[in-house]
N, C-alpha and C. Protein backbone atom coordinates (compact mmCIF):
# COMPACT_ATOMS: atom_id res chain seq x y z
N MET A 1 16.94 -0.39 3.99
CA MET A 1 16.62 -0.35 2.57
C MET A 1 15.17 0.12 2.41
N ALA A 2 14.95 1.05 1.51
CA ALA A 2 13.62 1.65 1.35
C ALA A 2 12.71 0.79 0.49
N LEU A 3 11.44 0.83 0.80
CA LEU A 3 10.40 0.19 0.02
C LEU A 3 9.75 1.26 -0.84
N LYS A 4 9.61 1.01 -2.14
CA LYS A 4 8.93 1.96 -3.01
C LYS A 4 7.43 1.65 -2.99
N LEU A 5 6.63 2.66 -2.70
CA LEU A 5 5.18 2.54 -2.72
C LEU A 5 4.64 3.36 -3.87
N SER A 6 3.70 2.79 -4.62
CA SER A 6 3.00 3.49 -5.68
C SER A 6 1.51 3.42 -5.40
N TYR A 7 0.84 4.54 -5.58
CA TYR A 7 -0.60 4.63 -5.30
C TYR A 7 -1.33 4.94 -6.60
N PHE A 8 -2.50 4.33 -6.79
CA PHE A 8 -3.27 4.52 -8.01
C PHE A 8 -4.72 4.86 -7.72
N ALA A 9 -5.35 5.55 -8.69
CA ALA A 9 -6.77 5.91 -8.67
C ALA A 9 -7.10 6.72 -7.41
N TRP A 10 -8.21 6.39 -6.74
CA TRP A 10 -8.61 7.20 -5.58
C TRP A 10 -7.66 7.03 -4.40
N VAL A 11 -6.90 5.96 -4.35
CA VAL A 11 -5.89 5.83 -3.28
C VAL A 11 -4.86 6.95 -3.46
N ARG A 12 -4.41 7.17 -4.69
CA ARG A 12 -3.45 8.25 -4.98
C ARG A 12 -4.05 9.61 -4.64
N GLU A 13 -5.31 9.82 -5.01
CA GLU A 13 -5.96 11.10 -4.73
C GLU A 13 -6.04 11.36 -3.23
N ARG A 14 -6.38 10.36 -2.47
CA ARG A 14 -6.50 10.52 -1.01
C ARG A 14 -5.14 10.68 -0.33
N MET A 15 -4.13 9.99 -0.87
CA MET A 15 -2.78 10.13 -0.31
C MET A 15 -2.15 11.47 -0.69
N GLY A 16 -2.54 12.02 -1.82
CA GLY A 16 -1.99 13.29 -2.27
C GLY A 16 -0.65 13.16 -2.97
N ILE A 17 -0.21 11.94 -3.22
CA ILE A 17 1.05 11.67 -3.93
C ILE A 17 0.89 10.40 -4.75
N ALA A 18 1.72 10.27 -5.79
CA ALA A 18 1.67 9.08 -6.64
C ALA A 18 2.57 7.96 -6.13
N ASP A 19 3.70 8.34 -5.54
CA ASP A 19 4.62 7.32 -5.03
C ASP A 19 5.54 7.94 -3.98
N GLU A 20 6.18 7.06 -3.24
CA GLU A 20 7.13 7.47 -2.20
C GLU A 20 8.00 6.28 -1.84
N ALA A 21 9.11 6.58 -1.21
CA ALA A 21 9.99 5.54 -0.67
C ALA A 21 9.94 5.66 0.85
N VAL A 22 9.76 4.52 1.52
CA VAL A 22 9.62 4.52 2.98
C VAL A 22 10.55 3.48 3.60
N ALA A 23 10.98 3.78 4.80
CA ALA A 23 11.68 2.80 5.63
C ALA A 23 10.64 2.21 6.56
N LEU A 24 10.44 0.92 6.46
CA LEU A 24 9.39 0.28 7.25
C LEU A 24 9.86 -0.08 8.66
N PRO A 25 8.95 0.02 9.62
CA PRO A 25 9.26 -0.51 10.95
C PRO A 25 9.43 -2.03 10.86
N ASP A 26 10.17 -2.60 11.78
CA ASP A 26 10.43 -4.05 11.77
C ASP A 26 9.17 -4.89 11.85
N ASP A 27 8.10 -4.37 12.47
CA ASP A 27 6.89 -5.16 12.64
C ASP A 27 5.98 -5.15 11.40
N VAL A 28 6.33 -4.42 10.36
CA VAL A 28 5.56 -4.44 9.12
C VAL A 28 6.16 -5.50 8.22
N ARG A 29 5.47 -6.62 8.13
CA ARG A 29 6.00 -7.77 7.38
C ARG A 29 5.13 -8.17 6.19
N THR A 30 3.82 -7.90 6.27
CA THR A 30 2.89 -8.33 5.24
C THR A 30 2.17 -7.13 4.62
N VAL A 31 1.46 -7.39 3.54
CA VAL A 31 0.66 -6.33 2.91
C VAL A 31 -0.36 -5.79 3.91
N ALA A 32 -0.99 -6.66 4.68
CA ALA A 32 -1.96 -6.20 5.68
C ALA A 32 -1.29 -5.31 6.73
N ASP A 33 -0.11 -5.69 7.17
CA ASP A 33 0.65 -4.86 8.12
C ASP A 33 0.95 -3.49 7.50
N LEU A 34 1.35 -3.50 6.23
CA LEU A 34 1.69 -2.25 5.55
C LEU A 34 0.49 -1.32 5.47
N ILE A 35 -0.65 -1.86 5.08
CA ILE A 35 -1.87 -1.04 4.98
C ILE A 35 -2.25 -0.48 6.34
N ALA A 36 -2.17 -1.30 7.38
CA ALA A 36 -2.49 -0.82 8.73
C ALA A 36 -1.52 0.28 9.16
N TRP A 37 -0.23 0.11 8.86
CA TRP A 37 0.78 1.11 9.21
C TRP A 37 0.53 2.42 8.48
N LEU A 38 0.21 2.33 7.18
CA LEU A 38 -0.08 3.52 6.40
C LEU A 38 -1.32 4.24 6.92
N ALA A 39 -2.33 3.47 7.30
CA ALA A 39 -3.57 4.07 7.83
C ALA A 39 -3.33 4.81 9.14
N ALA A 40 -2.41 4.31 9.94
CA ALA A 40 -2.13 4.92 11.25
C ALA A 40 -1.08 6.03 11.17
N ARG A 41 -0.36 6.13 10.06
CA ARG A 41 0.77 7.05 9.94
C ARG A 41 0.36 8.52 9.92
N ASP A 42 -0.71 8.85 9.19
CA ASP A 42 -1.13 10.25 9.09
C ASP A 42 -2.56 10.34 8.58
N GLU A 43 -3.06 11.56 8.48
CA GLU A 43 -4.45 11.78 8.08
C GLU A 43 -4.72 11.30 6.65
N ALA A 44 -3.78 11.54 5.74
CA ALA A 44 -3.96 11.09 4.36
C ALA A 44 -4.07 9.57 4.31
N GLY A 45 -3.20 8.88 5.04
CA GLY A 45 -3.26 7.42 5.08
C GLY A 45 -4.55 6.92 5.71
N ALA A 46 -5.01 7.61 6.74
CA ALA A 46 -6.28 7.22 7.38
C ALA A 46 -7.43 7.31 6.38
N ARG A 47 -7.43 8.35 5.54
CA ARG A 47 -8.48 8.50 4.51
C ARG A 47 -8.34 7.42 3.44
N ALA A 48 -7.13 7.22 2.95
CA ALA A 48 -6.91 6.30 1.84
C ALA A 48 -7.16 4.84 2.22
N PHE A 49 -6.83 4.49 3.47
CA PHE A 49 -6.89 3.09 3.88
C PHE A 49 -7.93 2.82 4.96
N ALA A 50 -8.98 3.64 4.99
CA ALA A 50 -10.04 3.49 5.99
C ALA A 50 -10.78 2.16 5.83
N GLU A 51 -10.82 1.63 4.62
CA GLU A 51 -11.48 0.36 4.34
C GLU A 51 -10.45 -0.60 3.72
N PRO A 52 -9.61 -1.19 4.55
CA PRO A 52 -8.52 -2.01 4.01
C PRO A 52 -8.97 -3.18 3.14
N ALA A 53 -10.16 -3.70 3.34
CA ALA A 53 -10.64 -4.82 2.53
C ALA A 53 -10.85 -4.42 1.07
N ARG A 54 -10.97 -3.12 0.81
CA ARG A 54 -11.17 -2.63 -0.56
C ARG A 54 -9.85 -2.41 -1.30
N ILE A 55 -8.75 -2.51 -0.62
CA ILE A 55 -7.45 -2.23 -1.23
C ILE A 55 -6.85 -3.49 -1.85
N ARG A 56 -6.35 -3.34 -3.05
CA ARG A 56 -5.63 -4.42 -3.73
C ARG A 56 -4.15 -4.04 -3.76
N ALA A 57 -3.30 -5.05 -3.88
CA ALA A 57 -1.87 -4.80 -3.87
C ALA A 57 -1.17 -5.65 -4.92
N ALA A 58 -0.07 -5.10 -5.41
CA ALA A 58 0.86 -5.84 -6.26
C ALA A 58 2.24 -5.68 -5.62
N VAL A 59 2.90 -6.79 -5.39
CA VAL A 59 4.23 -6.79 -4.79
C VAL A 59 5.23 -7.18 -5.88
N ASP A 60 6.14 -6.28 -6.14
CA ASP A 60 7.13 -6.49 -7.21
C ASP A 60 6.47 -6.94 -8.51
N GLY A 61 5.34 -6.29 -8.85
CA GLY A 61 4.67 -6.53 -10.12
C GLY A 61 3.71 -7.71 -10.16
N HIS A 62 3.50 -8.38 -9.03
CA HIS A 62 2.60 -9.54 -9.00
C HIS A 62 1.48 -9.29 -7.99
N MET A 63 0.25 -9.59 -8.40
CA MET A 63 -0.88 -9.43 -7.48
C MET A 63 -0.59 -10.20 -6.20
N ALA A 64 -0.97 -9.59 -5.08
CA ALA A 64 -0.64 -10.19 -3.78
C ALA A 64 -1.79 -9.98 -2.81
N GLY A 65 -2.04 -10.96 -1.98
CA GLY A 65 -3.07 -10.87 -0.96
C GLY A 65 -2.53 -10.23 0.32
N PRO A 66 -3.40 -10.06 1.31
CA PRO A 66 -3.02 -9.40 2.55
C PRO A 66 -1.90 -10.10 3.31
N GLY A 67 -1.74 -11.39 3.14
CA GLY A 67 -0.71 -12.13 3.86
C GLY A 67 0.63 -12.17 3.15
N ALA A 68 0.70 -11.57 1.96
CA ALA A 68 1.96 -11.59 1.20
C ALA A 68 3.05 -10.81 1.93
N VAL A 69 4.25 -11.32 1.86
CA VAL A 69 5.40 -10.68 2.50
C VAL A 69 5.79 -9.43 1.71
N VAL A 70 6.06 -8.36 2.45
CA VAL A 70 6.53 -7.11 1.85
C VAL A 70 8.06 -7.14 1.84
N PRO A 71 8.65 -7.14 0.64
CA PRO A 71 10.11 -7.23 0.57
C PRO A 71 10.79 -5.91 0.87
N ARG A 72 11.77 -5.91 1.71
CA ARG A 72 12.58 -4.71 1.93
C ARG A 72 13.32 -4.42 0.63
N GLY A 73 13.26 -3.19 0.19
CA GLY A 73 13.92 -2.83 -1.05
C GLY A 73 13.12 -3.16 -2.30
N GLY A 74 11.91 -3.64 -2.14
CA GLY A 74 11.06 -3.97 -3.28
C GLY A 74 10.11 -2.85 -3.61
N GLU A 75 9.02 -3.22 -4.27
CA GLU A 75 8.01 -2.25 -4.67
C GLU A 75 6.62 -2.82 -4.40
N VAL A 76 5.75 -1.98 -3.85
CA VAL A 76 4.36 -2.36 -3.62
C VAL A 76 3.48 -1.29 -4.24
N ALA A 77 2.53 -1.72 -5.06
CA ALA A 77 1.52 -0.83 -5.63
C ALA A 77 0.21 -1.08 -4.88
N LEU A 78 -0.47 -0.02 -4.53
CA LEU A 78 -1.74 -0.11 -3.80
C LEU A 78 -2.82 0.61 -4.59
N PHE A 79 -3.97 -0.04 -4.76
CA PHE A 79 -5.02 0.51 -5.63
C PHE A 79 -6.37 -0.08 -5.25
N PRO A 80 -7.46 0.57 -5.69
CA PRO A 80 -8.80 0.03 -5.44
C PRO A 80 -9.08 -1.13 -6.39
N PRO A 81 -10.16 -1.86 -6.14
CA PRO A 81 -10.53 -2.94 -7.06
C PRO A 81 -10.70 -2.40 -8.47
N VAL A 82 -10.34 -3.21 -9.43
CA VAL A 82 -10.43 -2.82 -10.83
C VAL A 82 -11.53 -3.62 -11.49
N THR A 83 -12.36 -2.96 -12.29
CA THR A 83 -13.39 -3.65 -13.02
C THR A 83 -13.16 -3.49 -14.51
N GLY A 84 -13.59 -4.47 -15.26
CA GLY A 84 -13.44 -4.41 -16.71
C GLY A 84 -14.65 -3.76 -17.34
N GLY A 85 -14.55 -3.49 -18.61
CA GLY A 85 -15.68 -2.85 -19.27
C GLY A 85 -15.66 -3.07 -20.74
């Protein structure tokens, strides 16, 4: 079952796409695992996720930390920190 990924702001710019569906390896279980896998997958991912501590995530529409479980068949949004104004 595919996981839908959505990228926002400079993460999207560095990835070169707004969203994609991926089949995850069995060892990708958490948001931190996902970010590490994306960073190692290709050059665009290496650029976008070079500083994983700066990346925020929402899993199925809810803010999630690095230890949050990535649901197979769900949706994960990845984006930089957001500031108000």
